[in-house]
Amino acid sequence: MRHHRHPRARSRRLVRPGHWHVHARVERFVEPSLLLLLRERPLHGYELLDRLPELGVEGRIDIGNLYRLLRGLEDEGLVRSEWGGDLPGPAKRTYELTAEGRRVLDSWVEGLRRAQGTIEGFLARYEEGR
């Protein structure tokens, strides 16, 4: 059976006649999640990958994608990294948040609070009509 999806409707698809699968998601939520985890303490890549689900980040993030994201954040000055050979095993790169990264995290939080208000208003209106 074919699943029907409108080319621009990435958040929903018709599973079978009359039954829709809707995926409500926060776009690009990985970035603020990484910044928040690194605000808590410096971490290695695999630690970040293991801890992302704590913040509800799901989906297709693998270690290669994670390192590409971290490199991009480092290029923008939001995180910095250094090699640490203090742990057993091979040397690992440790990532930490910069002051600029904290400012970007603060901006994410402001945007998410605005989105939260919009979503709460939507849900309240939905509940009123039940």
N, C-alpha and C. Protein backbone atom coordinates (compact mmCIF):
# COMPACT_ATOMS: atom_id res chain seq x y z
N MET A 1 0.84 -1.18 0.00
CA MET A 1 0.00 0.00 0.00
C MET A 1 0.88 1.24 0.00
N ARG A 2 0.52 2.22 -0.79
CA ARG A 2 1.27 3.48 -0.85
C ARG A 2 0.79 4.44 0.23
N HIS A 3 1.74 5.12 0.84
CA HIS A 3 1.40 6.18 1.78
C HIS A 3 1.31 7.47 0.99
N HIS A 4 0.26 8.24 1.21
CA HIS A 4 0.07 9.48 0.46
C HIS A 4 0.56 10.65 1.29
N ARG A 5 1.36 11.46 0.63
CA ARG A 5 1.92 12.62 1.31
C ARG A 5 1.98 13.76 0.30
N HIS A 6 1.48 14.88 0.68
CA HIS A 6 1.60 16.06 -0.17
C HIS A 6 3.08 16.45 -0.19
N PRO A 7 3.61 16.88 -1.33
CA PRO A 7 5.05 17.19 -1.41
C PRO A 7 5.54 18.15 -0.34
N ARG A 8 4.72 19.09 0.10
CA ARG A 8 5.18 20.05 1.12
C ARG A 8 4.69 19.71 2.51
N ALA A 9 3.95 18.62 2.67
CA ALA A 9 3.39 18.27 3.98
C ALA A 9 4.29 17.25 4.66
N ARG A 10 5.40 17.72 5.20
CA ARG A 10 6.35 16.82 5.84
C ARG A 10 5.87 16.38 7.22
N SER A 11 4.86 17.03 7.76
CA SER A 11 4.42 16.72 9.12
C SER A 11 3.23 15.77 9.16
N ARG A 12 2.71 15.35 7.99
CA ARG A 12 1.56 14.44 8.03
C ARG A 12 1.56 13.57 6.79
N ARG A 13 0.96 12.39 6.97
CA ARG A 13 0.76 11.52 5.82
C ARG A 13 -0.46 10.65 6.05
N LEU A 14 -1.10 10.28 4.97
CA LEU A 14 -2.28 9.42 5.02
C LEU A 14 -1.78 7.98 5.07
N VAL A 15 -2.05 7.31 6.20
CA VAL A 15 -1.58 5.94 6.39
C VAL A 15 -2.50 4.97 5.67
N ARG A 16 -3.81 5.19 5.84
CA ARG A 16 -4.83 4.43 5.12
C ARG A 16 -6.05 5.33 5.07
N PRO A 17 -7.00 5.04 4.22
CA PRO A 17 -8.13 5.97 4.08
C PRO A 17 -8.72 6.37 5.45
N GLY A 18 -8.76 7.67 5.66
CA GLY A 18 -9.35 8.20 6.90
C GLY A 18 -8.42 8.20 8.10
N HIS A 19 -7.21 7.73 7.97
CA HIS A 19 -6.29 7.67 9.10
C HIS A 19 -4.98 8.38 8.74
N TRP A 20 -4.70 9.44 9.51
CA TRP A 20 -3.51 10.26 9.26
C TRP A 20 -2.50 10.04 10.36
N HIS A 21 -1.24 10.01 9.98
CA HIS A 21 -0.14 10.04 10.94
C HIS A 21 0.41 11.46 10.93
N VAL A 22 0.32 12.14 12.07
CA VAL A 22 0.80 13.51 12.18
C VAL A 22 2.01 13.51 13.09
N HIS A 23 3.07 14.16 12.64
CA HIS A 23 4.29 14.25 13.42
C HIS A 23 4.51 15.71 13.81
N ALA A 24 4.08 16.06 15.03
CA ALA A 24 4.28 17.43 15.53
C ALA A 24 5.70 17.51 16.06
N ARG A 25 6.50 18.39 15.47
CA ARG A 25 7.90 18.46 15.87
C ARG A 25 8.37 19.90 15.92
N VAL A 26 9.41 20.09 16.70
CA VAL A 26 10.05 21.39 16.77
C VAL A 26 11.26 21.32 15.84
N GLU A 27 11.21 22.11 14.77
CA GLU A 27 12.30 22.06 13.80
C GLU A 27 13.61 22.52 14.43
N ARG A 28 14.68 21.88 14.02
CA ARG A 28 16.03 22.26 14.43
C ARG A 28 16.21 22.26 15.95
N PHE A 29 15.51 21.39 16.64
CA PHE A 29 15.58 21.37 18.09
C PHE A 29 16.89 20.78 18.59
N VAL A 30 17.64 20.14 17.71
CA VAL A 30 18.92 19.56 18.12
C VAL A 30 19.88 20.65 18.58
N GLU A 31 19.93 21.76 17.82
CA GLU A 31 20.89 22.83 18.16
C GLU A 31 20.69 23.36 19.57
N PRO A 32 19.48 23.82 19.94
CA PRO A 32 19.35 24.33 21.31
C PRO A 32 19.56 23.23 22.35
N SER A 33 19.24 22.00 22.00
CA SER A 33 19.45 20.89 22.94
C SER A 33 20.93 20.70 23.22
N LEU A 34 21.75 20.75 22.17
CA LEU A 34 23.20 20.64 22.36
C LEU A 34 23.72 21.78 23.22
N LEU A 35 23.26 23.00 22.93
CA LEU A 35 23.71 24.16 23.70
C LEU A 35 23.33 24.02 25.17
N LEU A 36 22.12 23.54 25.43
CA LEU A 36 21.67 23.37 26.82
C LEU A 36 22.50 22.31 27.54
N LEU A 37 22.73 21.18 26.88
CA LEU A 37 23.53 20.12 27.51
C LEU A 37 24.94 20.62 27.81
N LEU A 38 25.51 21.41 26.89
CA LEU A 38 26.86 21.93 27.10
C LEU A 38 26.89 23.07 28.11
N ARG A 39 25.76 23.72 28.33
CA ARG A 39 25.73 24.73 29.41
C ARG A 39 25.85 24.02 30.76
N GLU A 40 25.31 22.80 30.83
CA GLU A 40 25.36 22.06 32.09
C GLU A 40 26.78 21.62 32.42
N ARG A 41 27.51 21.14 31.41
CA ARG A 41 28.91 20.77 31.60
C ARG A 41 29.53 20.39 30.27
N PRO A 42 30.85 20.49 30.13
CA PRO A 42 31.51 20.03 28.91
C PRO A 42 31.28 18.54 28.71
N LEU A 43 31.12 18.13 27.46
CA LEU A 43 30.83 16.72 27.14
C LEU A 43 31.55 16.29 25.88
N HIS A 44 31.76 14.99 25.76
CA HIS A 44 32.28 14.38 24.54
C HIS A 44 31.12 14.13 23.58
N GLY A 45 31.43 13.90 22.31
CA GLY A 45 30.39 13.67 21.30
C GLY A 45 29.46 12.53 21.63
N TYR A 46 30.00 11.38 22.04
CA TYR A 46 29.14 10.23 22.33
C TYR A 46 28.27 10.48 23.55
N GLU A 47 28.79 11.25 24.53
CA GLU A 47 27.96 11.61 25.68
C GLU A 47 26.79 12.47 25.23
N LEU A 48 27.06 13.43 24.34
CA LEU A 48 25.98 14.27 23.81
C LEU A 48 24.94 13.43 23.09
N LEU A 49 25.40 12.51 22.26
CA LEU A 49 24.49 11.64 21.51
C LEU A 49 23.61 10.84 22.47
N ASP A 50 24.20 10.33 23.55
CA ASP A 50 23.45 9.54 24.53
C ASP A 50 22.44 10.39 25.30
N ARG A 51 22.75 11.67 25.51
CA ARG A 51 21.90 12.52 26.35
C ARG A 51 20.83 13.28 25.59
N LEU A 52 20.95 13.40 24.26
CA LEU A 52 19.94 14.13 23.48
C LEU A 52 18.51 13.60 23.70
N PRO A 53 18.30 12.28 23.79
CA PRO A 53 16.92 11.81 24.02
C PRO A 53 16.29 12.32 25.32
N GLU A 54 17.11 12.69 26.31
CA GLU A 54 16.58 13.25 27.56
C GLU A 54 15.77 14.51 27.28
N LEU A 55 16.10 15.21 26.18
CA LEU A 55 15.42 16.46 25.83
C LEU A 55 14.38 16.26 24.73
N GLY A 56 14.04 15.01 24.47
CA GLY A 56 13.00 14.74 23.49
C GLY A 56 13.47 14.75 22.06
N VAL A 57 14.78 14.83 21.82
CA VAL A 57 15.30 14.82 20.46
C VAL A 57 15.26 13.40 19.94
N GLU A 58 14.49 13.21 18.88
CA GLU A 58 14.36 11.89 18.28
C GLU A 58 14.79 11.97 16.84
N GLY A 59 14.87 10.84 16.20
CA GLY A 59 15.07 10.85 14.77
C GLY A 59 16.44 10.38 14.35
N ARG A 60 16.83 10.85 13.19
CA ARG A 60 17.98 10.29 12.49
C ARG A 60 19.27 11.03 12.76
N ILE A 61 19.63 11.23 14.01
CA ILE A 61 20.93 11.85 14.26
C ILE A 61 21.92 10.75 14.61
N ASP A 62 22.96 10.65 13.83
CA ASP A 62 24.01 9.68 14.12
C ASP A 62 25.26 10.46 14.50
N ILE A 63 26.30 9.73 14.87
CA ILE A 63 27.49 10.41 15.38
C ILE A 63 28.14 11.28 14.31
N GLY A 64 28.09 10.86 13.05
CA GLY A 64 28.65 11.68 11.97
C GLY A 64 27.92 12.99 11.83
N ASN A 65 26.58 12.94 11.84
CA ASN A 65 25.78 14.18 11.77
C ASN A 65 26.03 15.06 12.98
N LEU A 66 26.15 14.42 14.14
CA LEU A 66 26.38 15.19 15.37
C LEU A 66 27.71 15.94 15.28
N TYR A 67 28.76 15.27 14.82
CA TYR A 67 30.05 15.94 14.72
C TYR A 67 30.02 17.07 13.69
N ARG A 68 29.26 16.89 12.61
CA ARG A 68 29.12 17.98 11.64
C ARG A 68 28.43 19.18 12.28
N LEU A 69 27.37 18.91 13.05
CA LEU A 69 26.68 20.00 13.76
C LEU A 69 27.63 20.70 14.73
N LEU A 70 28.36 19.92 15.49
CA LEU A 70 29.29 20.51 16.47
C LEU A 70 30.37 21.34 15.79
N ARG A 71 30.89 20.85 14.65
CA ARG A 71 31.88 21.63 13.90
C ARG A 71 31.29 22.96 13.44
N GLY A 72 30.04 22.92 12.97
CA GLY A 72 29.37 24.15 12.55
C GLY A 72 29.20 25.11 13.71
N LEU A 73 28.80 24.59 14.88
CA LEU A 73 28.64 25.44 16.06
C LEU A 73 29.99 26.02 16.49
N GLU A 74 31.04 25.22 16.33
CA GLU A 74 32.37 25.71 16.68
C GLU A 74 32.83 26.78 15.69
N ASP A 75 32.56 26.57 14.41
CA ASP A 75 32.92 27.58 13.39
C ASP A 75 32.23 28.91 13.66
N GLU A 76 31.02 28.85 14.22
CA GLU A 76 30.25 30.07 14.53
C GLU A 76 30.63 30.65 15.90
N GLY A 77 31.53 29.99 16.63
CA GLY A 77 31.96 30.51 17.92
C GLY A 77 31.01 30.21 19.07
N LEU A 78 30.08 29.27 18.87
CA LEU A 78 29.09 28.97 19.92
C LEU A 78 29.59 27.90 20.89
N VAL A 79 30.46 27.02 20.41
CA VAL A 79 31.11 26.03 21.27
C VAL A 79 32.60 26.05 20.95
N ARG A 80 33.38 25.52 21.85
CA ARG A 80 34.80 25.30 21.59
C ARG A 80 35.12 23.87 22.03
N SER A 81 36.19 23.34 21.48
CA SER A 81 36.55 21.97 21.82
C SER A 81 38.05 21.85 22.03
N GLU A 82 38.42 20.81 22.75
CA GLU A 82 39.84 20.50 22.91
C GLU A 82 39.97 19.00 23.07
N TRP A 83 41.13 18.50 22.65
CA TRP A 83 41.41 17.08 22.80
C TRP A 83 41.81 16.82 24.23
N GLY A 84 41.25 15.78 24.81
CA GLY A 84 41.60 15.40 26.17
C GLY A 84 42.10 13.98 26.20
N GLY A 85 43.29 13.78 26.70
CA GLY A 85 43.83 12.44 26.82
C GLY A 85 43.82 11.96 28.26
N ASP A 86 43.01 12.62 29.09
CA ASP A 86 43.02 12.31 30.52
C ASP A 86 42.20 11.08 30.87
N LEU A 87 41.38 10.58 29.94
CA LEU A 87 40.54 9.43 30.23
C LEU A 87 41.16 8.18 29.62
N PRO A 88 40.81 7.01 30.16
CA PRO A 88 41.31 5.78 29.55
C PRO A 88 40.83 5.66 28.11
N GLY A 89 41.60 4.98 27.28
CA GLY A 89 41.19 4.81 25.89
C GLY A 89 41.74 5.93 25.04
N PRO A 90 41.26 5.99 23.78
CA PRO A 90 41.77 7.01 22.86
C PRO A 90 41.37 8.42 23.31
N ALA A 91 42.18 9.39 22.92
CA ALA A 91 41.88 10.79 23.25
C ALA A 91 40.53 11.17 22.65
N LYS A 92 39.76 11.96 23.39
CA LYS A 92 38.44 12.38 22.94
C LYS A 92 38.37 13.90 22.93
N ARG A 93 37.59 14.41 22.00
CA ARG A 93 37.38 15.85 21.92
C ARG A 93 36.26 16.21 22.89
N THR A 94 36.51 17.18 23.75
CA THR A 94 35.52 17.66 24.71
C THR A 94 34.99 19.00 24.22
N TYR A 95 33.67 19.14 24.23
CA TYR A 95 33.01 20.37 23.77
C TYR A 95 32.49 21.13 24.97
N GLU A 96 32.59 22.46 24.89
CA GLU A 96 32.02 23.31 25.93
C GLU A 96 31.40 24.55 25.30
N LEU A 97 30.44 25.10 26.01
CA LEU A 97 29.71 26.27 25.54
C LEU A 97 30.55 27.54 25.74
N THR A 98 30.48 28.44 24.77
CA THR A 98 31.15 29.74 24.88
C THR A 98 30.14 30.78 25.37
N ALA A 99 30.63 31.98 25.66
CA ALA A 99 29.73 33.07 26.05
C ALA A 99 28.75 33.38 24.92
N GLU A 100 29.23 33.35 23.68
CA GLU A 100 28.33 33.59 22.54
C GLU A 100 27.29 32.48 22.44
N GLY A 101 27.69 31.26 22.73
CA GLY A 101 26.76 30.14 22.74
C GLY A 101 25.66 30.32 23.78
N ARG A 102 26.03 30.87 24.93
CA ARG A 102 25.02 31.15 25.97
C ARG A 102 24.01 32.20 25.48
N ARG A 103 24.50 33.20 24.76
CA ARG A 103 23.59 34.23 24.24
C ARG A 103 22.63 33.62 23.21
N VAL A 104 23.16 32.73 22.36
CA VAL A 104 22.29 32.08 21.37
C VAL A 104 21.28 31.17 22.07
N LEU A 105 21.71 30.45 23.10
CA LEU A 105 20.79 29.61 23.87
C LEU A 105 19.69 30.47 24.49
N ASP A 106 20.05 31.63 25.04
CA ASP A 106 19.04 32.54 25.60
C ASP A 106 18.03 32.96 24.53
N SER A 107 18.52 33.22 23.31
CA SER A 107 17.61 33.59 22.21
C SER A 107 16.69 32.44 21.85
N TRP A 108 17.23 31.22 21.82
CA TRP A 108 16.40 30.03 21.57
C TRP A 108 15.28 29.94 22.61
N VAL A 109 15.65 30.16 23.88
CA VAL A 109 14.66 30.05 24.96
C VAL A 109 13.56 31.09 24.78
N GLU A 110 13.93 32.31 24.42
CA GLU A 110 12.91 33.35 24.17
C GLU A 110 11.97 32.91 23.04
N GLY A 111 12.54 32.39 21.95
CA GLY A 111 11.72 31.93 20.83
C GLY A 111 10.83 30.76 21.21
N LEU A 112 11.36 29.83 22.00
CA LEU A 112 10.56 28.67 22.43
C LEU A 112 9.45 29.09 23.38
N ARG A 113 9.72 30.09 24.23
CA ARG A 113 8.65 30.59 25.12
C ARG A 113 7.52 31.22 24.30
N ARG A 114 7.87 31.97 23.24
CA ARG A 114 6.83 32.54 22.38
C ARG A 114 6.04 31.41 21.72
N ALA A 115 6.75 30.40 21.22
CA ALA A 115 6.07 29.26 20.58
C ALA A 115 5.19 28.53 21.58
N GLN A 116 5.66 28.41 22.81
CA GLN A 116 4.88 27.73 23.85
C GLN A 116 3.55 28.46 24.08
N GLY A 117 3.60 29.79 24.11
CA GLY A 117 2.37 30.57 24.29
C GLY A 117 1.41 30.34 23.13
N THR A 118 1.93 30.30 21.93
CA THR A 118 1.09 30.06 20.75
C THR A 118 0.46 28.67 20.82
N ILE A 119 1.26 27.68 21.17
CA ILE A 119 0.77 26.30 21.25
C ILE A 119 -0.26 26.17 22.36
N GLU A 120 0.00 26.78 23.51
CA GLU A 120 -0.97 26.71 24.62
C GLU A 120 -2.29 27.35 24.22
N GLY A 121 -2.24 28.48 23.51
CA GLY A 121 -3.47 29.11 23.04
C GLY A 121 -4.23 28.22 22.06
N PHE A 122 -3.52 27.58 21.17
CA PHE A 122 -4.12 26.67 20.20
C PHE A 122 -4.80 25.50 20.93
N LEU A 123 -4.08 24.89 21.89
CA LEU A 123 -4.64 23.74 22.61
C LEU A 123 -5.84 24.14 23.46
N ALA A 124 -5.78 25.32 24.08
CA ALA A 124 -6.91 25.78 24.89
C ALA A 124 -8.14 25.98 24.01
N ARG A 125 -7.96 26.57 22.84
CA ARG A 125 -9.09 26.77 21.93
C ARG A 125 -9.65 25.42 21.45
N TYR A 126 -8.76 24.48 21.19
CA TYR A 126 -9.19 23.14 20.79
C TYR A 126 -10.03 22.50 21.89
N GLU A 127 -9.56 22.61 23.15
CA GLU A 127 -10.29 22.00 24.27
C GLU A 127 -11.66 22.64 24.47
N GLU A 128 -11.76 23.97 24.23
CA GLU A 128 -13.05 24.66 24.41
C GLU A 128 -14.10 24.09 23.45
N GLY A 129 -13.68 23.67 22.27
CA GLY A 129 -14.63 23.21 21.27
C GLY A 129 -14.98 21.75 21.33
N ARG A 130 -14.47 21.03 22.31
CA ARG A 130 -14.74 19.57 22.38
C ARG A 130 -16.11 19.27 22.88
